[in-house]
Amino acid sequence: METGTVGYICTAAEHPARSAPSGTGLTVNQGKWAFCPAGETGGHLWSAVDGASLDELARAAATAARASEAATG
């Protein structure tokens, strides 16, 4: 298994980014690290990413969650 970078991100509509996800969101898909911004453990729709770091993806998910929360009030 590859280490250091994330190869997939979950893009399932049911798994939007959350400011306090239920878990780390890190798992393995097809032998590569995979990240779910909602921290869910199943029901993923994986999309390949070009070797992003977990830190980059977690920051982007937190920013998206804050923007979504601000928009919905």
Protein backbone atom coordinates (compact mmCIF):
# COMPACT_ATOMS: atom_id res chain seq x y z
CA MET A 1 0.00 0.00 0.00
CA GLU A 2 1.19 3.49 -0.87
CA THR A 3 1.84 5.86 2.04
CA GLY A 4 1.97 9.63 2.39
CA THR A 5 -0.67 10.69 -0.12
CA VAL A 6 -4.37 10.13 -0.57
CA GLY A 7 -5.48 8.54 -3.84
CA TYR A 8 -9.27 8.87 -3.49
CA ILE A 9 -11.84 11.23 -2.00
CA CYS A 10 -15.47 10.39 -1.33
CA THR A 11 -17.84 12.52 -3.41
CA ALA A 12 -21.12 10.90 -2.33
CA ALA A 13 -23.85 13.52 -2.00
CA GLU A 14 -24.83 11.92 1.30
CA HIS A 15 -21.32 12.57 2.67
CA PRO A 16 -20.89 16.36 2.68
CA ALA A 17 -17.93 17.86 4.51
CA ARG A 18 -18.64 18.34 8.21
CA SER A 19 -16.83 20.59 10.65
CA ALA A 20 -16.93 17.74 13.20
CA PRO A 21 -16.84 14.48 11.22
CA SER A 22 -17.77 11.25 12.97
CA GLY A 23 -14.28 9.80 12.41
CA THR A 24 -10.97 10.59 10.78
CA GLY A 25 -12.38 9.84 7.34
CA LEU A 26 -9.27 7.89 6.38
CA THR A 27 -9.58 4.40 4.94
CA VAL A 28 -8.18 2.30 2.10
CA ASN A 29 -9.65 1.88 -1.38
CA GLN A 30 -7.96 -0.28 -4.02
CA GLY A 31 -4.71 -0.32 -2.07
CA LYS A 32 -4.47 3.47 -1.72
CA TRP A 33 -5.42 5.85 1.07
CA ALA A 34 -8.92 7.27 0.70
CA PHE A 35 -10.57 10.18 2.54
CA CYS A 36 -14.25 10.79 3.31
CA PRO A 37 -14.83 14.42 4.40
CA ALA A 38 -17.89 13.33 6.39
CA GLY A 39 -15.95 10.65 8.27
CA GLU A 40 -18.43 7.96 7.24
CA THR A 41 -17.44 4.28 7.18
CA GLY A 42 -19.53 3.07 4.24
CA GLY A 43 -21.64 4.12 1.25
CA HIS A 44 -18.79 5.95 -0.47
CA LEU A 45 -18.53 7.14 -4.05
CA TRP A 46 -14.77 7.28 -4.63
CA SER A 47 -13.18 9.75 -7.04
CA ALA A 48 -9.47 9.63 -7.79
CA VAL A 49 -7.32 12.58 -6.70
CA ASP A 50 -3.81 13.30 -7.85
CA GLY A 51 -1.82 12.45 -4.73
CA ALA A 52 -3.14 15.06 -2.32
CA SER A 53 -1.98 14.97 1.28
CA LEU A 54 -4.47 14.14 4.03
CA ASP A 55 -3.71 17.52 5.58
CA GLU A 56 -4.63 19.34 2.33
CA LEU A 57 -7.89 17.41 2.00
CA ALA A 58 -8.84 17.86 5.66
CA ARG A 59 -8.25 21.64 5.42
CA ALA A 60 -10.34 21.86 2.24
CA ALA A 61 -13.14 19.82 3.86
CA ALA A 62 -13.13 22.05 6.96
CA THR A 63 -13.30 25.18 4.79
CA ALA A 64 -16.19 23.70 2.77
CA ALA A 65 -18.04 22.74 5.96
CA ARG A 66 -17.70 26.24 7.40
CA ALA A 67 -18.93 27.81 4.14
CA SER A 68 -21.89 25.45 4.00
CA GLU A 69 -22.83 26.11 7.63
CA ALA A 70 -22.59 29.87 7.09
CA ALA A 71 -24.81 29.65 3.98
CA THR A 72 -27.49 27.60 5.74
CA GLY A 73 -27.44 29.80 8.79
